[in-house]
PDB file of all heavy atoms in Angstrom:
ATOM      1  N   ARG A   1       5.856 -10.174   3.030  1.00  0.00           N
ATOM      2  CA  ARG A   1       6.197 -11.006   4.187  1.00  0.00           C
ATOM      3  C   ARG A   1       7.502 -10.512   4.831  1.00  0.00           C
ATOM      4  O   ARG A   1       7.624 -10.474   6.060  1.00  0.00           O
ATOM      5  CB  ARG A   1       6.322 -12.459   3.756  1.00  0.00           C
ATOM      6  CG  ARG A   1       6.515 -13.438   4.910  1.00  0.00           C
ATOM      7  CD  ARG A   1       6.233 -14.870   4.507  1.00  0.00           C
ATOM      8  NE  ARG A   1       6.993 -15.274   3.331  1.00  0.00           N
ATOM      9  CZ  ARG A   1       6.462 -15.510   2.125  1.00  0.00           C
ATOM     10  NH1 ARG A   1       5.156 -15.354   1.944  1.00  0.00           N
ATOM     11  NH2 ARG A   1       7.215 -15.872   1.109  1.00  0.00           N
ATOM     12  N   GLU A   2       8.460 -10.138   4.021  1.00  0.00           N
ATOM     13  CA  GLU A   2       9.722  -9.614   4.546  1.00  0.00           C
ATOM     14  C   GLU A   2       9.507  -8.304   5.302  1.00  0.00           C
ATOM     15  O   GLU A   2      10.143  -8.051   6.329  1.00  0.00           O
ATOM     16  CB  GLU A   2      10.720  -9.409   3.408  1.00  0.00           C
ATOM     17  CG  GLU A   2      11.220 -10.705   2.784  1.00  0.00           C
ATOM     18  CD  GLU A   2      12.075 -10.462   1.554  1.00  0.00           C
ATOM     19  OE1 GLU A   2      12.209  -9.285   1.145  1.00  0.00           O
ATOM     20  OE2 GLU A   2      12.615 -11.448   1.001  1.00  0.00           O
ATOM     21  N   MET A   3       8.594  -7.481   4.812  1.00  0.00           N
ATOM     22  CA  MET A   3       8.326  -6.199   5.457  1.00  0.00           C
ATOM     23  C   MET A   3       7.630  -6.364   6.804  1.00  0.00           C
ATOM     24  O   MET A   3       7.678  -5.464   7.648  1.00  0.00           O
ATOM     25  CB  MET A   3       7.466  -5.320   4.546  1.00  0.00           C
ATOM     26  CG  MET A   3       8.209  -4.657   3.402  1.00  0.00           C
ATOM     27  SD  MET A   3       9.450  -3.446   3.950  1.00  0.00           S
ATOM     28  CE  MET A   3      10.944  -4.387   3.650  1.00  0.00           C
ATOM     29  N   ARG A   4       7.007  -7.505   7.020  1.00  0.00           N
ATOM     30  CA  ARG A   4       6.326  -7.735   8.301  1.00  0.00           C
ATOM     31  C   ARG A   4       7.309  -7.872   9.452  1.00  0.00           C
ATOM     32  O   ARG A   4       6.911  -7.881  10.609  1.00  0.00           O
ATOM     33  CB  ARG A   4       5.417  -8.965   8.191  1.00  0.00           C
ATOM     34  CG  ARG A   4       4.164  -8.664   7.369  1.00  0.00           C
ATOM     35  CD  ARG A   4       3.243  -9.843   7.221  1.00  0.00           C
ATOM     36  NE  ARG A   4       2.087  -9.436   6.394  1.00  0.00           N
ATOM     37  CZ  ARG A   4       1.428 -10.251   5.587  1.00  0.00           C
ATOM     38  NH1 ARG A   4       1.806 -11.521   5.467  1.00  0.00           N
ATOM     39  NH2 ARG A   4       0.402  -9.814   4.885  1.00  0.00           N
ATOM     40  N   GLU A   5       8.594  -7.944   9.123  1.00  0.00           N
ATOM     41  CA  GLU A   5       9.612  -7.940  10.168  1.00  0.00           C
ATOM     42  C   GLU A   5       9.810  -6.541  10.740  1.00  0.00           C
ATOM     43  O   GLU A   5      10.321  -6.391  11.852  1.00  0.00           O
ATOM     44  CB  GLU A   5      10.936  -8.468   9.619  1.00  0.00           C
ATOM     45  CG  GLU A   5      10.881  -9.933   9.181  1.00  0.00           C
ATOM     46  CD  GLU A   5      12.214 -10.425   8.661  1.00  0.00           C
ATOM     47  OE1 GLU A   5      13.211  -9.669   8.772  1.00  0.00           O
ATOM     48  OE2 GLU A   5      12.272 -11.560   8.154  1.00  0.00           O
ATOM     49  N   ILE A   6       9.416  -5.520   9.980  1.00  0.00           N
ATOM     50  CA  ILE A   6       9.593  -4.141  10.462  1.00  0.00           C
ATOM     51  C   ILE A   6       8.268  -3.438  10.746  1.00  0.00           C
ATOM     52  O   ILE A   6       8.237  -2.429  11.436  1.00  0.00           O
ATOM     53  CB  ILE A   6      10.415  -3.293   9.466  1.00  0.00           C
ATOM     54  CG1 ILE A   6       9.661  -3.105   8.150  1.00  0.00           C
ATOM     55  CG2 ILE A   6      11.786  -3.900   9.236  1.00  0.00           C
ATOM     56  CD1 ILE A   6      10.266  -2.060   7.243  1.00  0.00           C
ATOM     57  N   THR A   7       7.159  -3.946  10.209  1.00  0.00           N
ATOM     58  CA  THR A   7       5.853  -3.359  10.471  1.00  0.00           C
ATOM     59  C   THR A   7       4.781  -4.423  10.356  1.00  0.00           C
ATOM     60  O   THR A   7       4.818  -5.258   9.451  1.00  0.00           O
ATOM     61  CB  THR A   7       5.535  -2.193   9.510  1.00  0.00           C
ATOM     62  OG1 THR A   7       4.193  -1.729   9.760  1.00  0.00           O
ATOM     63  CG2 THR A   7       5.643  -2.614   8.060  1.00  0.00           C
ATOM     64  N   GLU A   8       3.831  -4.378  11.254  1.00  0.00           N
ATOM     65  CA  GLU A   8       2.721  -5.337  11.182  1.00  0.00           C
ATOM     66  C   GLU A   8       1.718  -4.931  10.096  1.00  0.00           C
ATOM     67  O   GLU A   8       0.870  -5.722   9.707  1.00  0.00           O
ATOM     68  CB  GLU A   8       2.016  -5.428  12.526  1.00  0.00           C
ATOM     69  CG  GLU A   8       1.421  -4.115  13.001  1.00  0.00           C
ATOM     70  CD  GLU A   8       0.780  -4.210  14.369  1.00  0.00           C
ATOM     71  OE1 GLU A   8       1.009  -5.216  15.061  1.00  0.00           O
ATOM     72  OE2 GLU A   8       0.060  -3.261  14.741  1.00  0.00           O
ATOM     73  N   ASN A   9       1.858  -3.716   9.621  1.00  0.00           N
ATOM     74  CA  ASN A   9       0.938  -3.196   8.611  1.00  0.00           C
ATOM     75  C   ASN A   9       1.533  -3.347   7.209  1.00  0.00           C
ATOM     76  O   ASN A   9       1.857  -2.376   6.536  1.00  0.00           O
ATOM     77  CB  ASN A   9       0.610  -1.727   8.894  1.00  0.00           C
ATOM     78  CG  ASN A   9       0.028  -1.520  10.270  1.00  0.00           C
ATOM     79  OD1 ASN A   9      -0.951  -2.161  10.631  1.00  0.00           O
ATOM     80  ND2 ASN A   9       0.636  -0.635  11.044  1.00  0.00           N
ATOM     81  N   ALA A  10       1.728  -4.574   6.802  1.00  0.00           N
ATOM     82  CA  ALA A  10       2.235  -4.894   5.468  1.00  0.00           C
ATOM     83  C   ALA A  10       1.160  -5.722   4.769  1.00  0.00           C
ATOM     84  O   ALA A  10       0.793  -6.799   5.245  1.00  0.00           O
ATOM     85  CB  ALA A  10       3.548  -5.654   5.549  1.00  0.00           C
ATOM     86  N   VAL A  11       0.661  -5.221   3.640  1.00  0.00           N
ATOM     87  CA  VAL A  11      -0.537  -5.794   3.020  1.00  0.00           C
ATOM     88  C   VAL A  11      -0.267  -6.162   1.563  1.00  0.00           C
ATOM     89  O   VAL A  11       0.302  -5.370   0.805  1.00  0.00           O
ATOM     90  CB  VAL A  11      -1.716  -4.789   3.092  1.00  0.00           C
ATOM     91  CG1 VAL A  11      -2.959  -5.364   2.420  1.00  0.00           C
ATOM     92  CG2 VAL A  11      -2.004  -4.414   4.542  1.00  0.00           C
ATOM     93  N   VAL A  12      -0.703  -7.367   1.185  1.00  0.00           N
ATOM     94  CA  VAL A  12      -0.672  -7.772  -0.220  1.00  0.00           C
ATOM     95  C   VAL A  12      -1.877  -7.170  -0.920  1.00  0.00           C
ATOM     96  O   VAL A  12      -3.017  -7.318  -0.464  1.00  0.00           O
ATOM     97  CB  VAL A  12      -0.710  -9.312  -0.356  1.00  0.00           C
ATOM     98  CG1 VAL A  12      -0.771  -9.705  -1.836  1.00  0.00           C
ATOM     99  CG2 VAL A  12       0.501  -9.934   0.314  1.00  0.00           C
ATOM    100  N   ILE A  13      -1.641  -6.460  -2.010  1.00  0.00           N
ATOM    101  CA  ILE A  13      -2.726  -5.846  -2.770  1.00  0.00           C
ATOM    102  C   ILE A  13      -2.523  -6.170  -4.245  1.00  0.00           C
ATOM    103  O   ILE A  13      -1.482  -5.881  -4.823  1.00  0.00           O
ATOM    104  CB  ILE A  13      -2.787  -4.316  -2.512  1.00  0.00           C
ATOM    105  CG1 ILE A  13      -3.979  -3.690  -3.228  1.00  0.00           C
ATOM    106  CG2 ILE A  13      -1.473  -3.624  -2.862  1.00  0.00           C
ATOM    107  CD1 ILE A  13      -4.250  -2.244  -2.814  1.00  0.00           C
ATOM    108  N   HIS A  14      -3.524  -6.804  -4.835  1.00  0.00           N
ATOM    109  CA  HIS A  14      -3.397  -7.255  -6.219  1.00  0.00           C
ATOM    110  C   HIS A  14      -3.903  -6.232  -7.231  1.00  0.00           C
ATOM    111  O   HIS A  14      -3.550  -6.293  -8.400  1.00  0.00           O
ATOM    112  CB  HIS A  14      -4.140  -8.578  -6.399  1.00  0.00           C
ATOM    113  CG  HIS A  14      -3.531  -9.701  -5.611  1.00  0.00           C
ATOM    114  ND1 HIS A  14      -2.301 -10.229  -5.913  1.00  0.00           N
ATOM    115  CD2 HIS A  14      -3.971 -10.369  -4.506  1.00  0.00           C
ATOM    116  CE1 HIS A  14      -2.012 -11.193  -5.052  1.00  0.00           C
ATOM    117  NE2 HIS A  14      -3.006 -11.293  -4.182  1.00  0.00           N
ATOM    118  N   SER A  15      -4.719  -5.315  -6.765  1.00  0.00           N
ATOM    119  CA  SER A  15      -5.245  -4.273  -7.649  1.00  0.00           C
ATOM    120  C   SER A  15      -5.088  -2.921  -6.971  1.00  0.00           C
ATOM    121  O   SER A  15      -5.324  -2.791  -5.760  1.00  0.00           O
ATOM    122  CB  SER A  15      -6.729  -4.518  -7.956  1.00  0.00           C
ATOM    123  OG  SER A  15      -7.255  -3.445  -8.708  1.00  0.00           O
ATOM    124  N   LEU A  16      -4.670  -1.928  -7.746  1.00  0.00           N
ATOM    125  CA  LEU A  16      -4.450  -0.594  -7.193  1.00  0.00           C
ATOM    126  C   LEU A  16      -5.551   0.379  -7.594  1.00  0.00           C
ATOM    127  O   LEU A  16      -5.329   1.582  -7.718  1.00  0.00           O
ATOM    128  CB  LEU A  16      -3.080  -0.070  -7.629  1.00  0.00           C
ATOM    129  CG  LEU A  16      -1.885  -0.825  -7.049  1.00  0.00           C
ATOM    130  CD1 LEU A  16      -0.588  -0.354  -7.683  1.00  0.00           C
ATOM    131  CD2 LEU A  16      -1.827  -0.671  -5.528  1.00  0.00           C
ATOM    132  N   ASP A  17      -6.766  -0.126  -7.798  1.00  0.00           N
ATOM    133  CA  ASP A  17      -7.893   0.760  -8.053  1.00  0.00           C
ATOM    134  C   ASP A  17      -8.278   1.466  -6.756  1.00  0.00           C
ATOM    135  O   ASP A  17      -7.842   1.085  -5.659  1.00  0.00           O
ATOM    136  CB  ASP A  17      -9.079  -0.028  -8.617  1.00  0.00           C
ATOM    137  CG  ASP A  17      -9.552  -1.108  -7.664  1.00  0.00           C
ATOM    138  OD1 ASP A  17     -10.365  -0.811  -6.777  1.00  0.00           O
ATOM    139  OD2 ASP A  17      -9.058  -2.261  -7.779  1.00  0.00           O
ATOM    140  N   LYS A  18      -9.085   2.489  -6.866  1.00  0.00           N
ATOM    141  CA  LYS A  18      -9.412   3.329  -5.716  1.00  0.00           C
ATOM    142  C   LYS A  18     -10.070   2.536  -4.593  1.00  0.00           C
ATOM    143  O   LYS A  18      -9.753   2.708  -3.409  1.00  0.00           O
ATOM    144  CB  LYS A  18     -10.314   4.474  -6.158  1.00  0.00           C
ATOM    145  CG  LYS A  18     -10.598   5.505  -5.064  1.00  0.00           C
ATOM    146  CD  LYS A  18     -11.440   6.654  -5.611  1.00  0.00           C
ATOM    147  CE  LYS A  18     -11.772   7.665  -4.536  1.00  0.00           C
ATOM    148  NZ  LYS A  18     -12.619   8.763  -5.061  1.00  0.00           N
ATOM    149  N   LYS A  19     -10.993   1.645  -4.942  1.00  0.00           N
ATOM    150  CA  LYS A  19     -11.708   0.857  -3.933  1.00  0.00           C
ATOM    151  C   LYS A  19     -10.745  -0.049  -3.160  1.00  0.00           C
ATOM    152  O   LYS A  19     -10.796  -0.120  -1.924  1.00  0.00           O
ATOM    153  CB  LYS A  19     -12.802   0.021  -4.597  1.00  0.00           C
ATOM    154  CG  LYS A  19     -13.632  -0.827  -3.636  1.00  0.00           C
ATOM    155  CD  LYS A  19     -14.761  -1.519  -4.390  1.00  0.00           C
ATOM    156  CE  LYS A  19     -15.630  -2.338  -3.435  1.00  0.00           C
ATOM    157  NZ  LYS A  19     -14.907  -3.477  -2.852  1.00  0.00           N
ATOM    158  N   SER A  20      -9.858  -0.727  -3.875  1.00  0.00           N
ATOM    159  CA  SER A  20      -8.906  -1.629  -3.220  1.00  0.00           C
ATOM    160  C   SER A  20      -7.950  -0.863  -2.319  1.00  0.00           C
ATOM    161  O   SER A  20      -7.618  -1.311  -1.216  1.00  0.00           O
ATOM    162  CB  SER A  20      -8.126  -2.414  -4.269  1.00  0.00           C
ATOM    163  OG  SER A  20      -8.977  -3.225  -5.040  1.00  0.00           O
ATOM    164  N   LEU A  21      -7.499   0.298  -2.765  1.00  0.00           N
ATOM    165  CA  LEU A  21      -6.619   1.125  -1.941  1.00  0.00           C
ATOM    166  C   LEU A  21      -7.334   1.574  -0.673  1.00  0.00           C
ATOM    167  O   LEU A  21      -6.774   1.529   0.425  1.00  0.00           O
ATOM    168  CB  LEU A  21      -6.129   2.332  -2.736  1.00  0.00           C
ATOM    169  CG  LEU A  21      -5.080   2.045  -3.819  1.00  0.00           C
ATOM    170  CD1 LEU A  21      -4.946   3.242  -4.763  1.00  0.00           C
ATOM    171  CD2 LEU A  21      -3.729   1.703  -3.193  1.00  0.00           C
ATOM    172  N   ALA A  22      -8.579   2.003  -0.824  1.00  0.00           N
ATOM    173  CA  ALA A  22      -9.346   2.464   0.335  1.00  0.00           C
ATOM    174  C   ALA A  22      -9.555   1.348   1.346  1.00  0.00           C
ATOM    175  O   ALA A  22      -9.569   1.578   2.566  1.00  0.00           O
ATOM    176  CB  ALA A  22     -10.686   3.034  -0.120  1.00  0.00           C
ATOM    177  N   GLU A  23      -9.703   0.125   0.866  1.00  0.00           N
ATOM    178  CA  GLU A  23      -9.920  -1.014   1.763  1.00  0.00           C
ATOM    179  C   GLU A  23      -8.714  -1.306   2.638  1.00  0.00           C
ATOM    180  O   GLU A  23      -8.838  -1.899   3.707  1.00  0.00           O
ATOM    181  CB  GLU A  23     -10.289  -2.256   0.948  1.00  0.00           C
ATOM    182  CG  GLU A  23     -11.700  -2.190   0.364  1.00  0.00           C
ATOM    183  CD  GLU A  23     -12.007  -3.364  -0.559  1.00  0.00           C
ATOM    184  OE1 GLU A  23     -11.060  -4.111  -0.909  1.00  0.00           O
ATOM    185  OE2 GLU A  23     -13.179  -3.519  -0.940  1.00  0.00           O
ATOM    186  N   THR A  24      -7.534  -0.873   2.213  1.00  0.00           N
ATOM    187  CA  THR A  24      -6.333  -1.074   3.037  1.00  0.00           C
ATOM    188  C   THR A  24      -6.257  -0.064   4.181  1.00  0.00           C
ATOM    189  O   THR A  24      -5.517  -0.270   5.145  1.00  0.00           O
ATOM    190  CB  THR A  24      -5.049  -0.944   2.200  1.00  0.00           C
ATOM    191  OG1 THR A  24      -4.875   0.426   1.794  1.00  0.00           O
ATOM    192  CG2 THR A  24      -5.094  -1.854   0.984  1.00  0.00           C
ATOM    193  N   GLY A  25      -6.980   1.052   4.039  1.00  0.00           N
ATOM    194  CA  GLY A  25      -6.920   2.107   5.051  1.00  0.00           C
ATOM    195  C   GLY A  25      -5.836   3.121   4.808  1.00  0.00           C
ATOM    196  O   GLY A  25      -5.513   3.924   5.691  1.00  0.00           O
ATOM    197  N   ILE A  26      -5.262   3.141   3.615  1.00  0.00           N
ATOM    198  CA  ILE A  26      -4.164   4.059   3.344  1.00  0.00           C
ATOM    199  C   ILE A  26      -4.584   5.525   3.445  1.00  0.00           C
ATOM    200  O   ILE A  26      -3.760   6.405   3.682  1.00  0.00           O
ATOM    201  CB  ILE A  26      -3.528   3.764   1.958  1.00  0.00           C
ATOM    202  CG1 ILE A  26      -2.152   4.441   1.856  1.00  0.00           C
ATOM    203  CG2 ILE A  26      -4.466   4.184   0.823  1.00  0.00           C
ATOM    204  CD1 ILE A  26      -1.343   4.007   0.658  1.00  0.00           C
ATOM    205  N   GLN A  27      -5.896   5.775   3.312  1.00  0.00           N
ATOM    206  CA  GLN A  27      -6.380   7.151   3.439  1.00  0.00           C
ATOM    207  C   GLN A  27      -6.200   7.696   4.858  1.00  0.00           C
ATOM    208  O   GLN A  27      -6.312   8.904   5.079  1.00  0.00           O
ATOM    209  CB  GLN A  27      -7.853   7.250   3.028  1.00  0.00           C
ATOM    210  CG  GLN A  27      -8.820   6.500   3.920  1.00  0.00           C
ATOM    211  CD  GLN A  27      -8.988   5.048   3.497  1.00  0.00           C
ATOM    212  OE1 GLN A  27      -8.171   4.508   2.759  1.00  0.00           O
ATOM    213  NE2 GLN A  27     -10.064   4.429   3.953  1.00  0.00           N
ATOM    214  N   ASN A  28      -5.880   6.826   5.823  1.00  0.00           N
ATOM    215  CA  ASN A  28      -5.630   7.264   7.195  1.00  0.00           C
ATOM    216  C   ASN A  28      -4.187   7.708   7.418  1.00  0.00           C
ATOM    217  O   ASN A  28      -3.824   8.119   8.518  1.00  0.00           O
ATOM    218  CB  ASN A  28      -5.974   6.131   8.172  1.00  0.00           C
ATOM    219  CG  ASN A  28      -7.448   5.783   8.147  1.00  0.00           C
ATOM    220  OD1 ASN A  28      -8.301   6.664   8.148  1.00  0.00           O
ATOM    221  ND2 ASN A  28      -7.772   4.496   8.103  1.00  0.00           N
ATOM    222  N   CYS A  29      -3.365   7.603   6.387  1.00  0.00           N
ATOM    223  CA  CYS A  29      -1.967   8.049   6.480  1.00  0.00           C
ATOM    224  C   CYS A  29      -1.874   9.555   6.268  1.00  0.00           C
ATOM    225  O   CYS A  29      -2.717  10.168   5.616  1.00  0.00           O
ATOM    226  CB  CYS A  29      -1.115   7.330   5.439  1.00  0.00           C
ATOM    227  SG  CYS A  29      -0.975   5.546   5.684  1.00  0.00           S
ATOM    228  N   ASP A  30      -0.834  10.141   6.814  1.00  0.00           N
ATOM    229  CA  ASP A  30      -0.561  11.565   6.594  1.00  0.00           C
ATOM    230  C   ASP A  30       0.186  11.777   5.289  1.00  0.00           C
ATOM    231  O   ASP A  30       0.029  12.811   4.633  1.00  0.00           O
ATOM    232  CB  ASP A  30       0.277  12.125   7.748  1.00  0.00           C
ATOM    233  CG  ASP A  30      -0.435  11.990   9.078  1.00  0.00           C
ATOM    234  OD1 ASP A  30      -1.419  12.708   9.293  1.00  0.00           O
ATOM    235  OD2 ASP A  30      -0.010  11.149   9.886  1.00  0.00           O
ATOM    236  N   VAL A  31       1.015  10.802   4.949  1.00  0.00           N
ATOM    237  CA  VAL A  31       1.830  10.878   3.733  1.00  0.00           C
ATOM    238  C   VAL A  31       1.762   9.529   3.030  1.00  0.00           C
ATOM    239  O   VAL A  31       1.894   8.484   3.673  1.00  0.00           O
ATOM    240  CB  VAL A  31       3.313  11.198   4.061  1.00  0.00           C
ATOM    241  CG1 VAL A  31       4.137  11.263   2.783  1.00  0.00           C
ATOM    242  CG2 VAL A  31       3.426  12.485   4.853  1.00  0.00           C
ATOM    243  N   ALA A  32       1.528   9.560   1.726  1.00  0.00           N
ATOM    244  CA  ALA A  32       1.578   8.334   0.922  1.00  0.00           C
ATOM    245  C   ALA A  32       2.618   8.516  -0.168  1.00  0.00           C
ATOM    246  O   ALA A  32       2.663   9.566  -0.817  1.00  0.00           O
ATOM    247  CB  ALA A  32       0.215   8.032   0.307  1.00  0.00           C
ATOM    248  N   VAL A  33       3.454   7.498  -0.352  1.00  0.00           N
ATOM    249  CA  VAL A  33       4.524   7.570  -1.345  1.00  0.00           C
ATOM    250  C   VAL A  33       4.306   6.477  -2.390  1.00  0.00           C
ATOM    251  O   VAL A  33       4.257   5.293  -2.061  1.00  0.00           O
ATOM    252  CB  VAL A  33       5.912   7.399  -0.700  1.00  0.00           C
ATOM    253  CG1 VAL A  33       7.007   7.655  -1.740  1.00  0.00           C
ATOM    254  CG2 VAL A  33       6.079   8.336   0.491  1.00  0.00           C
ATOM    255  N   VAL A  34       4.173   6.892  -3.644  1.00  0.00           N
ATOM    256  CA  VAL A  34       4.012   5.948  -4.752  1.00  0.00           C
ATOM    257  C   VAL A  34       5.405   5.621  -5.280  1.00  0.00           C
ATOM    258  O   VAL A  34       6.053   6.471  -5.898  1.00  0.00           O
ATOM    259  CB  VAL A  34       3.129   6.540  -5.862  1.00  0.00           C
ATOM    260  CG1 VAL A  34       2.942   5.523  -6.996  1.00  0.00           C
ATOM    261  CG2 VAL A  34       1.775   6.958  -5.306  1.00  0.00           C
ATOM    262  N   CYS A  35       5.856   4.408  -5.027  1.00  0.00           N
ATOM    263  CA  CYS A  35       7.220   4.010  -5.387  1.00  0.00           C
ATOM    264  C   CYS A  35       7.228   3.133  -6.632  1.00  0.00           C
ATOM    265  O   CYS A  35       8.078   2.251  -6.777  1.00  0.00           O
ATOM    266  CB  CYS A  35       7.869   3.286  -4.218  1.00  0.00           C
ATOM    267  SG  CYS A  35       7.927   4.252  -2.702  1.00  0.00           S
ATOM    268  N   ILE A  36       6.279   3.362  -7.514  1.00  0.00           N
ATOM    269  CA  ILE A  36       6.173   2.607  -8.765  1.00  0.00           C
ATOM    270  C   ILE A  36       6.785   3.464  -9.862  1.00  0.00           C
ATOM    271  O   ILE A  36       6.341   4.588 -10.085  1.00  0.00           O
ATOM    272  CB  ILE A  36       4.702   2.303  -9.102  1.00  0.00           C
ATOM    273  CG1 ILE A  36       4.042   1.566  -7.940  1.00  0.00           C
ATOM    274  CG2 ILE A  36       4.590   1.505 -10.393  1.00  0.00           C
ATOM    275  CD1 ILE A  36       2.533   1.524  -8.033  1.00  0.00           C
ATOM    276  N   GLY A  37       7.801   2.950 -10.535  1.00  0.00           N
ATOM    277  CA  GLY A  37       8.441   3.761 -11.555  1.00  0.00           C
ATOM    278  C   GLY A  37       8.304   3.209 -12.951  1.00  0.00           C
ATOM    279  O   GLY A  37       7.955   3.930 -13.891  1.00  0.00           O
ATOM    280  N   GLU A  38       8.538   1.924 -13.105  1.00  0.00           N
ATOM    281  CA  GLU A  38       8.598   1.340 -14.435  1.00  0.00           C
ATOM    282  C   GLU A  38       7.229   1.293 -15.115  1.00  0.00           C
ATOM    283  O   GLU A  38       7.115   1.517 -16.307  1.00  0.00           O
ATOM    284  CB  GLU A  38       9.194  -0.074 -14.357  1.00  0.00           C
ATOM    285  CG  GLU A  38      10.670  -0.110 -13.958  1.00  0.00           C
ATOM    286  CD  GLU A  38      10.900   0.255 -12.500  1.00  0.00           C
ATOM    287  OE1 GLU A  38       9.941   0.105 -11.696  1.00  0.00           O
ATOM    288  OE2 GLU A  38      12.004   0.713 -12.172  1.00  0.00           O
ATOM    289  N   GLN A  39       6.191   0.995 -14.360  1.00  0.00           N
ATOM    290  CA  GLN A  39       4.836   0.940 -14.910  1.00  0.00           C
ATOM    291  C   GLN A  39       4.207   2.318 -14.780  1.00  0.00           C
ATOM    292  O   GLN A  39       3.526   2.620 -13.805  1.00  0.00           O
ATOM    293  CB  GLN A  39       4.019  -0.115 -14.173  1.00  0.00           C
ATOM    294  CG  GLN A  39       4.584  -1.526 -14.311  1.00  0.00           C
ATOM    295  CD  GLN A  39       3.873  -2.507 -13.410  1.00  0.00           C
ATOM    296  OE1 GLN A  39       3.775  -2.308 -12.207  1.00  0.00           O
ATOM    297  NE2 GLN A  39       3.362  -3.574 -14.003  1.00  0.00           N
ATOM    298  N   ILE A  40       4.442   3.141 -15.796  1.00  0.00           N
ATOM    299  CA  ILE A  40       4.052   4.554 -15.703  1.00  0.00           C
ATOM    300  C   ILE A  40       2.537   4.712 -15.590  1.00  0.00           C
ATOM    301  O   ILE A  40       2.046   5.524 -14.790  1.00  0.00           O
ATOM    302  CB  ILE A  40       4.605   5.337 -16.907  1.00  0.00           C
ATOM    303  CG1 ILE A  40       6.136   5.371 -16.827  1.00  0.00           C
ATOM    304  CG2 ILE A  40       4.051   6.758 -16.931  1.00  0.00           C
ATOM    305  CD1 ILE A  40       6.802   6.075 -17.982  1.00  0.00           C
TER     306      ILE A  40
END
């Protein structure tokens, strides 16, 4: 919700499996950054 102040494309995603990621449309990006560190 806080990120929606800077971009309308801010999505809540509860599962990071391939199908759920694809449903967000992230495959249409040129660059994707995985910013998850603690949960290896």
